[in-house]
Amino acid sequence: MKIDISDTHLPIYEALASDVRLKIIQLLSQQEMNIKDLAQALELSSPIMTMHVKKLERAGLISSEMVASSSGTKKMCKLITDSIEIDFPSKNRPAVRTYHESIVSVGHYTDFDIEPTCGLATTVKVIGMFDEPRFFLDADRINAKILWFSSGFIEYRTANFLLKSEKPTELEISFEISSEAPFANENWPSDISFYLNGTKVGIWTSPGDFGGKRGKFTPDWWWDEINQYGLLKVLKITPTGTFIDGQKISDVTLDDVDILNKQWKFRIAVEPDAENVGGVTLFGSGFGNYNQDIVFKLYYERNE
């Protein structure tokens, strides 16, 4: 997990500012435990322990799920973050850029038109059944943390919190993504197109759909033989063009995508006429190798 010293990450700092919660993290680094066992280990009541666990969950440091046992159901907790990198300002850098950040969950799409193979799942179950696009309209879709399709598009909307006194300098969108192959295939190229506000900003070719070893955050119940993780890609739209991981993919600029619009539409697509129609898998928090959803960062300068 990579964070900085902005207000956005206050829940993480607050979660760590407690000797009790630090002890919980130490215990969960050894094994999964339920609320009752954690409370007994730290000589606390279960309600107090529940409060501490919720703070750690809100910070994205641990997760929990209800598990059936011989004595009923238990809320089992597990550690889902193995390290935190803090990005501090440095005197050796240019002036620190300021940004507005929005995080959109993988399941919070607002439009789609897809073809099988396809599916989606929360961190605890598959939603509906595989290869049936109608389940992308299931009420539980908002809780999805992984989704995949062979061709078509998925689209997200998010608010633009830019003020009139702020001048945008760069939009950064990061996400974990791969192709979508039957089961998994690391040699399965897919030409994935990206659109912002209806403007095609570029194409990136995913090399494959990755399996063979489990993703760092992939839930224990997920099948070994299907997709496990993706690649973390950073899409940047700047005044001089659009880039992925520093490589220019088009001449589309901030002005071309109507960046001042009060809301943005971000589309991820595999066009049916693409050279490599290899699908898309999107990984959110709780799946894959990066514990994050789709992150939008709009960097800006303030006009005095």
Protein backbone atom coordinates (compact mmCIF):
# COMPACT_ATOMS: atom_id res chain seq x y z
CA MET A 1 0.00 0.00 0.00
CA LYS A 2 1.36 3.42 -0.96
CA ILE A 3 0.07 6.52 0.84
CA ASP A 4 1.06 10.13 1.33
CA ILE A 5 0.51 12.73 4.04
CA SER A 6 -2.76 14.10 2.64
CA ASP A 7 -6.09 14.06 4.48
CA THR A 8 -7.22 11.21 2.23
CA HIS A 9 -5.17 8.72 4.22
CA LEU A 10 -6.11 9.94 7.72
CA PRO A 11 -8.09 6.71 8.41
CA ILE A 12 -4.86 4.72 8.04
CA TYR A 13 -2.90 6.95 10.39
CA GLU A 14 -5.78 6.91 12.89
CA ALA A 15 -6.00 3.11 12.70
CA LEU A 16 -2.29 2.78 13.48
CA ALA A 17 -2.37 5.31 16.35
CA SER A 18 -3.38 2.72 18.93
CA ASP A 19 -1.31 0.14 20.76
CA VAL A 20 -4.34 -2.18 20.82
CA ARG A 21 -4.75 -2.03 17.04
CA LEU A 22 -1.03 -2.53 16.53
CA LYS A 23 -1.27 -5.67 18.68
CA ILE A 24 -4.24 -6.86 16.58
CA ILE A 25 -2.14 -6.47 13.43
CA GLN A 26 0.68 -8.44 15.06
CA LEU A 27 -1.71 -11.26 15.99
CA LEU A 28 -3.29 -11.37 12.52
CA SER A 29 0.13 -11.47 10.88
CA GLN A 30 0.47 -14.96 12.38
CA GLN A 31 -3.00 -16.36 11.62
CA GLU A 32 -6.62 -15.49 10.98
CA MET A 33 -8.62 -15.02 14.20
CA ASN A 34 -12.21 -14.32 15.13
CA ILE A 35 -13.45 -11.41 17.25
CA LYS A 36 -13.85 -13.51 20.40
CA ASP A 37 -10.32 -14.94 20.22
CA LEU A 38 -8.82 -11.50 19.58
CA ALA A 39 -10.73 -10.07 22.54
CA GLN A 40 -9.52 -12.87 24.84
CA ALA A 41 -5.92 -12.53 23.64
CA LEU A 42 -5.88 -8.81 24.46
CA GLU A 43 -8.15 -9.06 27.53
CA LEU A 44 -10.85 -6.83 26.06
CA SER A 45 -14.61 -7.18 25.66
CA SER A 46 -15.98 -8.31 22.30
CA PRO A 47 -17.81 -4.97 21.67
CA ILE A 48 -14.58 -3.02 22.23
CA MET A 49 -12.70 -5.42 19.98
CA THR A 50 -15.38 -5.02 17.29
CA MET A 51 -14.83 -1.24 17.36
CA HIS A 52 -11.07 -1.65 16.87
CA VAL A 53 -11.59 -4.16 14.04
CA LYS A 54 -13.94 -1.76 12.22
CA LYS A 55 -11.31 1.00 12.32
CA LEU A 56 -8.73 -1.35 10.82
CA GLU A 57 -11.24 -2.43 8.14
CA ARG A 58 -12.07 1.18 7.21
CA ALA A 59 -8.35 1.80 6.78
CA GLY A 60 -8.06 -1.16 4.39
CA LEU A 61 -5.55 -2.94 6.64
CA ILE A 62 -7.64 -6.01 7.49
CA SER A 63 -10.77 -7.70 6.16
CA SER A 64 -13.33 -9.93 7.80
CA GLU A 65 -16.05 -12.36 6.77
CA MET A 66 -18.63 -14.54 8.46
CA VAL A 67 -17.60 -18.21 8.47
CA ALA A 68 -19.73 -21.16 9.49
CA SER A 69 -18.46 -23.33 12.36
CA SER A 70 -19.78 -26.15 14.54
CA SER A 71 -20.94 -23.59 17.11
CA GLY A 72 -22.60 -21.24 14.63
CA THR A 73 -20.97 -18.45 12.61
CA LYS A 74 -17.83 -16.52 13.46
CA LYS A 75 -16.48 -13.26 12.11
CA MET A 76 -12.98 -14.21 10.97
CA CYS A 77 -10.43 -11.43 10.52
CA LYS A 78 -7.30 -11.48 8.39
CA LEU A 79 -4.50 -9.07 7.56
CA ILE A 80 -4.62 -7.90 3.91
CA THR A 81 -1.73 -5.40 3.88
CA ASP A 82 1.87 -6.47 4.27
CA SER A 83 3.57 -3.09 3.95
CA ILE A 84 2.87 0.65 3.77
CA GLU A 85 5.02 3.13 1.85
CA ILE A 86 4.62 6.77 2.87
CA ASP A 87 5.45 9.42 0.27
CA PHE A 88 6.80 12.53 2.03
CA PRO A 89 7.42 15.91 0.37
CA SER A 90 11.09 16.48 -0.44
CA LYS A 91 13.15 19.66 -0.69
CA ASN A 92 14.80 18.19 -3.78
CA ARG A 93 11.56 18.03 -5.73
CA PRO A 94 9.83 20.80 -7.63
CA ALA A 95 6.93 22.47 -5.85
CA VAL A 96 4.62 19.83 -4.38
CA ARG A 97 1.65 19.21 -6.61
CA THR A 98 -1.78 19.22 -5.04
CA TYR A 99 -4.53 16.92 -6.18
CA HIS A 100 -8.13 15.88 -5.68
CA GLU A 101 -8.56 12.11 -5.32
CA SER A 102 -11.61 9.95 -6.02
CA ILE A 103 -11.74 6.17 -5.55
CA VAL A 104 -14.32 4.22 -7.55
CA SER A 105 -15.01 0.61 -6.64
CA VAL A 106 -14.79 -1.90 -9.49
CA GLY A 107 -18.48 -2.75 -9.04
CA HIS A 108 -19.69 0.87 -9.19
CA TYR A 109 -19.96 1.02 -12.98
CA THR A 110 -22.78 3.06 -14.50
CA ASP A 111 -23.00 1.47 -17.95
CA PHE A 112 -21.81 -1.65 -19.76
CA ASP A 113 -22.24 -3.68 -22.93
CA ILE A 114 -20.25 -6.91 -22.77
CA GLU A 115 -19.90 -10.35 -24.29
CA PRO A 116 -19.02 -13.67 -22.57
CA THR A 117 -16.84 -15.04 -21.22
CA CYS A 118 -17.79 -12.76 -18.36
CA GLY A 119 -18.52 -12.63 -14.66
CA LEU A 120 -18.09 -10.71 -11.44
CA ALA A 121 -17.58 -11.50 -7.77
CA THR A 122 -17.35 -9.92 -4.34
CA THR A 123 -14.56 -10.90 -1.97
CA VAL A 124 -16.80 -13.67 -0.60
CA LYS A 125 -18.81 -15.06 -3.53
CA VAL A 126 -19.53 -15.10 -7.25
CA ILE A 127 -22.46 -12.91 -8.26
CA GLY A 128 -24.97 -15.01 -10.19
CA MET A 129 -23.26 -17.36 -12.63
CA PHE A 130 -20.37 -17.22 -15.05
CA ASP A 131 -20.85 -16.12 -18.68
CA GLU A 132 -24.26 -14.50 -18.20
CA PRO A 133 -24.14 -10.70 -18.81
CA ARG A 134 -27.53 -10.18 -17.15
CA PHE A 135 -25.90 -10.66 -13.75
CA PHE A 136 -24.00 -7.41 -14.32
CA LEU A 137 -27.38 -5.86 -13.37
CA ASP A 138 -27.68 -7.87 -10.15
CA ALA A 139 -28.30 -5.69 -7.09
CA ASP A 140 -25.16 -7.09 -5.47
CA ARG A 141 -22.97 -5.79 -8.33
CA ILE A 142 -22.03 -2.68 -6.33
CA ASN A 143 -20.04 -4.97 -4.00
CA ALA A 144 -18.06 -6.57 -6.85
CA LYS A 145 -14.27 -6.43 -6.47
CA ILE A 146 -13.39 -8.33 -9.64
CA LEU A 147 -15.06 -8.47 -13.06
CA TRP A 148 -14.17 -9.77 -16.48
CA PHE A 149 -15.49 -9.88 -20.06
CA SER A 150 -14.28 -10.92 -23.50
CA SER A 151 -15.32 -7.84 -25.51
CA GLY A 152 -17.43 -4.73 -25.12
CA PHE A 153 -17.07 -2.03 -22.48
CA ILE A 154 -17.55 -1.11 -18.85
CA GLU A 155 -18.03 2.56 -17.90
CA TYR A 156 -17.66 4.50 -14.64
CA ARG A 157 -18.68 8.00 -13.58
CA THR A 158 -17.04 10.11 -10.92
CA ALA A 159 -17.36 13.69 -9.74
CA ASN A 160 -14.82 16.38 -10.60
CA PHE A 161 -14.13 18.37 -7.42
CA LEU A 162 -12.00 21.05 -9.10
CA LEU A 163 -12.73 24.61 -7.94
CA LYS A 164 -12.82 27.67 -10.18
CA SER A 165 -9.62 28.91 -8.57
CA GLU A 166 -7.74 25.70 -9.47
CA LYS A 167 -6.04 25.00 -12.80
CA PRO A 168 -5.78 21.30 -13.77
CA THR A 169 -2.31 20.12 -14.82
CA GLU A 170 -2.66 16.32 -15.06
CA LEU A 171 -5.23 13.57 -14.58
CA GLU A 172 -3.87 10.25 -13.29
CA ILE A 173 -6.03 7.10 -13.29
CA SER A 174 -4.59 3.88 -11.82
CA PHE A 175 -6.07 0.38 -11.79
CA GLU A 176 -5.09 -3.31 -11.79
CA ILE A 177 -5.94 -4.96 -15.09
CA SER A 178 -5.24 -7.95 -17.32
CA SER A 179 -6.68 -9.79 -20.33
CA GLU A 180 -9.48 -12.36 -20.00
CA ALA A 181 -8.66 -15.87 -21.24
CA PRO A 182 -10.43 -19.16 -20.59
CA PHE A 183 -9.00 -20.19 -17.21
CA ALA A 184 -5.65 -18.26 -17.36
CA ASN A 185 -3.04 -17.70 -20.07
CA GLU A 186 -0.05 -15.39 -19.69
CA ASN A 187 0.31 -15.23 -23.49
CA TRP A 188 -3.13 -13.83 -24.34
CA PRO A 189 -2.77 -10.29 -25.76
CA SER A 190 -5.70 -7.90 -25.63
CA ASP A 191 -5.97 -4.40 -27.11
CA ILE A 192 -7.71 -2.43 -24.39
CA SER A 193 -9.06 1.03 -25.26
CA PHE A 194 -9.61 3.86 -22.78
CA TYR A 195 -12.10 6.71 -23.14
CA LEU A 196 -12.68 9.82 -21.04
CA ASN A 197 -15.85 11.82 -21.54
CA GLY A 198 -16.46 10.08 -24.86
CA THR A 199 -12.97 10.77 -26.25
CA LYS A 200 -10.70 7.83 -26.99
CA VAL A 201 -7.42 8.61 -25.23
CA GLY A 202 -5.46 5.54 -26.36
CA ILE A 203 -4.94 1.80 -26.50
CA TRP A 204 -2.77 -0.43 -24.33
CA THR A 205 -2.08 -4.07 -25.17
CA SER A 206 -2.29 -6.36 -22.16
CA PRO A 207 0.13 -9.29 -22.55
CA GLY A 208 -2.02 -11.90 -20.84
CA ASP A 209 -4.35 -13.19 -18.16
CA PHE A 210 -2.18 -14.13 -15.20
CA GLY A 211 -2.38 -17.31 -13.11
CA GLY A 212 0.06 -19.94 -11.92
CA LYS A 213 0.45 -18.34 -8.49
CA ARG A 214 -2.13 -16.76 -6.25
CA GLY A 215 -2.57 -13.02 -6.08
CA LYS A 216 -1.36 -11.43 -2.85
CA PHE A 217 -4.90 -10.35 -1.95
CA THR A 218 -6.92 -12.96 -3.83
CA PRO A 219 -9.42 -14.55 -1.39
CA ASP A 220 -8.71 -18.08 -0.20
CA TRP A 221 -11.91 -19.45 -1.76
CA TRP A 222 -11.00 -18.29 -5.28
CA TRP A 223 -10.11 -21.08 -7.72
CA ASP A 224 -6.42 -21.74 -8.42
CA GLU A 225 -6.91 -22.37 -12.13
CA ILE A 226 -8.42 -18.99 -13.12
CA ASN A 227 -7.15 -15.40 -13.18
CA GLN A 228 -5.27 -14.40 -10.03
CA TYR A 229 -3.84 -10.93 -10.54
CA GLY A 230 -3.19 -8.19 -13.07
CA LEU A 231 -0.73 -5.40 -13.76
CA LEU A 232 -0.99 -2.02 -12.06
CA LYS A 233 -1.28 0.52 -14.85
CA VAL A 234 -1.08 4.30 -14.47
CA LEU A 235 -2.86 6.27 -17.20
CA LYS A 236 -1.95 9.97 -17.32
CA ILE A 237 -3.63 12.65 -19.43
CA THR A 238 -1.49 15.80 -19.58
CA PRO A 239 -1.29 19.07 -21.58
CA THR A 240 1.07 17.30 -24.02
CA GLY A 241 -0.63 13.95 -24.51
CA THR A 242 -1.73 10.70 -22.88
CA PHE A 243 0.70 8.21 -21.31
CA ILE A 244 0.63 4.76 -19.70
CA ASP A 245 3.47 4.10 -17.27
CA GLY A 246 5.39 6.99 -18.85
CA GLN A 247 5.00 5.73 -22.44
CA LYS A 248 3.05 8.04 -24.74
CA ILE A 249 0.02 6.33 -26.31
CA SER A 250 -1.68 9.30 -27.98
CA ASP A 251 -1.65 13.07 -28.51
CA VAL A 252 -4.95 13.51 -26.64
CA THR A 253 -4.57 16.29 -24.05
CA LEU A 254 -6.50 17.56 -21.02
CA ASP A 255 -8.25 20.13 -23.20
CA ASP A 256 -9.41 17.40 -25.60
CA VAL A 257 -11.27 15.45 -22.88
CA ASP A 258 -13.32 18.32 -21.41
CA ILE A 259 -11.47 18.04 -18.11
CA LEU A 260 -13.44 20.92 -16.54
CA ASN A 261 -16.70 18.98 -16.79
CA LYS A 262 -18.33 18.54 -13.36
CA GLN A 263 -18.33 14.78 -13.80
CA TRP A 264 -16.18 12.39 -15.81
CA LYS A 265 -17.11 9.23 -17.71
CA PHE A 266 -14.28 6.70 -17.86
CA ARG A 267 -14.71 3.74 -20.22
CA ILE A 268 -12.57 0.61 -20.52
CA ALA A 269 -13.28 -1.31 -23.72
CA VAL A 270 -12.18 -4.11 -26.01
CA GLU A 271 -13.40 -3.15 -29.47
CA PRO A 272 -14.84 -6.03 -31.55
CA ASP A 273 -12.62 -4.99 -34.51
CA ALA A 274 -9.40 -4.80 -32.45
CA GLU A 275 -6.42 -6.78 -33.68
CA ASN A 276 -6.26 -8.61 -30.34
CA VAL A 277 -9.71 -9.24 -28.85
CA GLY A 278 -8.49 -10.76 -25.61
CA GLY A 279 -10.89 -9.35 -23.05
CA VAL A 280 -10.49 -7.45 -19.79
CA THR A 281 -10.21 -8.45 -16.13
CA LEU A 282 -10.41 -5.64 -13.56
CA PHE A 283 -9.17 -6.27 -10.02
CA GLY A 284 -10.31 -4.16 -7.05
CA SER A 285 -9.39 -4.07 -3.39
CA GLY A 286 -9.40 -7.58 -1.92
CA PHE A 287 -8.25 -9.20 -5.19
CA GLY A 288 -5.01 -9.43 -7.16
CA ASN A 289 -1.63 -8.00 -6.18
CA TYR A 290 -2.64 -4.40 -5.40
CA ASN A 291 -5.16 -3.63 -2.71
CA GLN A 292 -6.87 -0.77 -4.53
CA ASP A 293 -9.86 0.06 -6.67
CA ILE A 294 -9.87 2.58 -9.57
CA VAL A 295 -8.10 5.71 -8.32
CA PHE A 296 -8.52 9.12 -9.98
CA LYS A 297 -6.08 11.90 -9.09
CA LEU A 298 -6.50 15.34 -10.65
CA TYR A 299 -3.38 17.43 -10.06
CA TYR A 300 -3.84 21.19 -10.13
CA GLU A 301 -2.30 24.57 -9.39
CA ARG A 302 -4.18 27.16 -7.41
CA ASN A 303 -4.68 30.55 -9.07
CA GLU A 304 -3.88 33.35 -6.64
